[in-house]
Structures are given as C-alpha cells and as structure tokens.
C-alpha atoms as a PDB file:
ATOM      1  CA  MET A   1       0.090   0.053   0.179  1.00  0.00           C
ATOM      2  CA  ALA A   2       1.326   3.458  -0.933  1.00  0.00           C
ATOM      3  CA  SER A   3       2.437   5.570   1.624  1.00  0.00           C
ATOM      4  CA  ARG A   4       0.595   8.447  -0.122  1.00  0.00           C
ATOM      5  CA  ALA A   5      -2.653   6.666   0.294  1.00  0.00           C
ATOM      6  CA  LYS A   6      -2.057   6.839   4.037  1.00  0.00           C
ATOM      7  CA  GLN A   7      -2.774  10.886   3.353  1.00  0.00           C
ATOM      8  CA  ILE A   8      -6.296  10.187   2.598  1.00  0.00           C
ATOM      9  CA  VAL A   9      -8.686  10.030   5.662  1.00  0.00           C
ATOM     10  CA  PRO A  10     -12.173   8.872   5.101  1.00  0.00           C
ATOM     11  CA  LEU A  11     -14.731  11.009   6.841  1.00  0.00           C
ATOM     12  CA  LEU A  12     -17.794   9.542   8.870  1.00  0.00           C
ATOM     13  CA  ASP A  13     -18.612   5.670   7.731  1.00  0.00           C
ATOM     14  CA  ARG A  14     -16.454   5.748   4.642  1.00  0.00           C
ATOM     15  CA  ILE A  15     -13.690   2.847   3.966  1.00  0.00           C
ATOM     16  CA  LEU A  16     -10.696   3.493   1.278  1.00  0.00           C
ATOM     17  CA  VAL A  17     -10.088   0.002  -0.097  1.00  0.00           C
ATOM     18  CA  GLN A  18      -7.639  -1.201  -2.549  1.00  0.00           C
ATOM     19  CA  ARG A  19      -8.900  -4.056  -4.627  1.00  0.00           C
ATOM     20  CA  ILE A  20      -6.481  -7.180  -4.755  1.00  0.00           C
ATOM     21  CA  LYS A  21      -5.056  -7.717  -7.957  1.00  0.00           C
ATOM     22  CA  PRO A  22      -5.641 -11.017  -9.821  1.00  0.00           C
ATOM     23  CA  GLU A  23      -2.927 -13.518 -10.500  1.00  0.00           C
ATOM     24  CA  GLN A  24      -0.903 -12.746 -13.496  1.00  0.00           C
ATOM     25  CA  ARG A  25       0.439 -16.074 -14.121  1.00  0.00           C
ATOM     26  CA  THR A  26      -0.827 -19.490 -13.567  1.00  0.00           C
ATOM     27  CA  ALA A  27       0.658 -22.016 -11.092  1.00  0.00           C
ATOM     28  CA  SER A  28       2.761 -23.237 -13.793  1.00  0.00           C
ATOM     29  CA  GLY A  29       4.222 -19.936 -14.591  1.00  0.00           C
ATOM     30  CA  ILE A  30       2.268 -19.066 -17.926  1.00  0.00           C
ATOM     31  CA  LEU A  31       1.460 -15.238 -18.213  1.00  0.00           C
ATOM     32  CA  ILE A  32      -2.344 -14.521 -18.102  1.00  0.00           C
ATOM     33  CA  PRO A  33      -3.289 -11.792 -20.540  1.00  0.00           C
ATOM     34  CA  GLU A  34      -4.916  -8.850 -18.771  1.00  0.00           C
ATOM     35  CA  LYS A  35      -8.480  -9.149 -20.275  1.00  0.00           C
ATOM     36  CA  ALA A  36      -8.436 -12.805 -19.543  1.00  0.00           C
ATOM     37  CA  GLN A  37      -7.604 -12.364 -15.717  1.00  0.00           C
ATOM     38  CA  GLU A  38     -10.652 -12.716 -13.384  1.00  0.00           C
ATOM     39  CA  ALA A  39     -11.616  -9.556 -11.575  1.00  0.00           C
ATOM     40  CA  LEU A  40     -11.836 -10.281  -8.041  1.00  0.00           C
ATOM     41  CA  ASN A  41     -14.304  -8.757  -5.479  1.00  0.00           C
ATOM     42  CA  GLU A  42     -11.700  -8.802  -2.656  1.00  0.00           C
ATOM     43  CA  GLY A  43      -9.794  -5.887  -1.415  1.00  0.00           C
ATOM     44  CA  ARG A  44      -7.790  -4.528   1.785  1.00  0.00           C
ATOM     45  CA  VAL A  45      -8.859  -2.127   4.108  1.00  0.00           C
ATOM     46  CA  VAL A  46      -6.236   0.957   3.737  1.00  0.00           C
ATOM     47  CA  ALA A  47      -7.913   3.483   5.791  1.00  0.00           C
ATOM     48  CA  THR A  48     -11.423   4.039   7.871  1.00  0.00           C
ATOM     49  CA  GLY A  49     -13.181   6.756   9.089  1.00  0.00           C
ATOM     50  CA  LYS A  50     -14.316   7.289  12.905  1.00  0.00           C
ATOM     51  CA  GLY A  51     -17.902   6.008  12.051  1.00  0.00           C
ATOM     52  CA  ALA A  52     -21.258   7.015  11.646  1.00  0.00           C
ATOM     53  CA  LEU A  53     -23.453   9.200  14.020  1.00  0.00           C
ATOM     54  CA  ASP A  54     -26.877   7.705  14.957  1.00  0.00           C
ATOM     55  CA  LYS A  55     -29.779  10.108  15.393  1.00  0.00           C
ATOM     56  CA  ASP A  56     -29.110  10.814  18.996  1.00  0.00           C
ATOM     57  CA  GLY A  57     -25.359  11.816  17.984  1.00  0.00           C
ATOM     58  CA  LYS A  58     -23.746   8.652  19.561  1.00  0.00           C
ATOM     59  CA  LEU A  59     -20.812   7.100  17.336  1.00  0.00           C
ATOM     60  CA  ILE A  60     -21.572   3.709  15.686  1.00  0.00           C
ATOM     61  CA  PRO A  61     -18.180   1.974  15.410  1.00  0.00           C
ATOM     62  CA  MET A  62     -16.778   0.864  12.112  1.00  0.00           C
ATOM     63  CA  SER A  63     -17.324  -2.760  11.342  1.00  0.00           C
ATOM     64  CA  VAL A  64     -13.792  -3.201   9.887  1.00  0.00           C
ATOM     65  CA  LYS A  65     -10.360  -1.782  10.600  1.00  0.00           C
ATOM     66  CA  GLU A  66      -7.053  -0.889   8.435  1.00  0.00           C
ATOM     67  CA  GLY A  67      -5.745  -3.986   7.047  1.00  0.00           C
ATOM     68  CA  ASP A  68      -8.623  -6.023   7.028  1.00  0.00           C
ATOM     69  CA  LYS A  69      -9.444  -8.068   3.862  1.00  0.00           C
ATOM     70  CA  VAL A  70     -12.902  -7.694   2.809  1.00  0.00           C
ATOM     71  CA  LEU A  71     -15.612  -8.688   0.163  1.00  0.00           C
ATOM     72  CA  LEU A  72     -16.741  -5.979  -2.291  1.00  0.00           C
ATOM     73  CA  PRO A  73     -19.879  -5.533  -4.340  1.00  0.00           C
ATOM     74  CA  PRO A  74     -19.618  -5.931  -7.987  1.00  0.00           C
ATOM     75  CA  TYR A  75     -20.173  -2.491  -8.592  1.00  0.00           C
ATOM     76  CA  GLY A  76     -20.075   0.872  -6.520  1.00  0.00           C
ATOM     77  CA  GLY A  77     -17.514   2.781  -4.843  1.00  0.00           C
ATOM     78  CA  ASN A  78     -15.918   6.019  -5.546  1.00  0.00           C
ATOM     79  CA  PRO A  79     -12.727   5.589  -7.413  1.00  0.00           C
ATOM     80  CA  VAL A  80      -9.752   7.673  -5.998  1.00  0.00           C
ATOM     81  CA  LYS A  81      -6.421   7.858  -7.986  1.00  0.00           C
ATOM     82  CA  VAL A  82      -3.245   8.396  -5.794  1.00  0.00           C
ATOM     83  CA  ASP A  83       0.094   8.555  -8.022  1.00  0.00           C
ATOM     84  CA  LYS A  84      -0.779   5.632 -10.267  1.00  0.00           C
ATOM     85  CA  GLU A  85      -2.558   3.380  -7.682  1.00  0.00           C
ATOM     86  CA  GLU A  86      -6.325   3.246  -8.026  1.00  0.00           C
ATOM     87  CA  TYR A  87      -8.566   2.936  -4.721  1.00  0.00           C
ATOM     88  CA  LEU A  88     -12.042   2.935  -3.907  1.00  0.00           C
ATOM     89  CA  LEU A  89     -14.068   4.627  -1.358  1.00  0.00           C
ATOM     90  CA  PHE A  90     -17.055   2.567   0.131  1.00  0.00           C
ATOM     91  CA  ARG A  91     -19.720   3.381   2.846  1.00  0.00           C
ATOM     92  CA  ASP A  92     -19.313   0.922   5.617  1.00  0.00           C
ATOM     93  CA  SER A  93     -22.668  -0.480   4.989  1.00  0.00           C
ATOM     94  CA  GLU A  94     -21.757  -1.314   1.438  1.00  0.00           C
ATOM     95  CA  ILE A  95     -18.621  -3.775   2.287  1.00  0.00           C
ATOM     96  CA  LEU A  96     -20.688  -7.168   1.979  1.00  0.00           C
ATOM     97  CA  ALA A  97     -18.223  -9.334   4.335  1.00  0.00           C
ATOM     98  CA  LYS A  98     -15.270  -9.380   6.207  1.00  0.00           C
ATOM     99  CA  ILE A  99     -12.846 -12.278   5.185  1.00  0.00           C
ATOM    100  CA  GLU A 100     -11.203 -13.709   7.947  1.00  0.00           C
ATOM    101  CA  GLU A 101      -7.768 -14.951   7.006  1.00  0.00           C
ATOM    102  CA  ALA A 102      -6.474 -18.214   9.179  1.00  0.00           C
END
C-alpha cells in the first residue's frame, strides 16, 4: 500500500479500499493476458473513518479496520487515484463481508 494513500483520511463511515489484483501467472508460470484475468471482488482496507453518528449523536463504530481483507460488491464505490494506484471509497454498509484469514 502506497504511503501517499495514508494521507487520505475517510470521513464518517467511509472506507478506503485497494482492490486485490488477480494472479498474472498460472501455477505453472504461464502469463495470463490482462483481458483474461478474473476480476476479484476482494480488497484490503487502507483507511477508515471514525464511524457514523446515529440520530442521538452517538458514534456507531466501524465494522472493519485498517488491514482487513473484505468482500466488495461487483459495482459501486467511488474511485480515487493516488499516484498511479487506484483505490475505492465505500460506505461501511456497502462492504459485503470481512474475510477472516487463518
């Protein structure tokens, strides 16, 4: 994750995610053309906001934290480019699931 992306601080219940790039080679070392690569709906959380406020003004904590691996919806998110890297901004409620790594 780029250090410049750390300068982006999401507000409220927003999450900055970097999509995980698909494998570029097969297990045997054959290069997979970019158009044939499967688009993954997984990402890594780069930064999160503090959380949303409920109607009484109480802070609702985020369901994910920096470094978590998450399942993303196939569409949506606001693209953000930092240098040559692309990131996506999602609301906490748009994240489909947190992927537990063993």
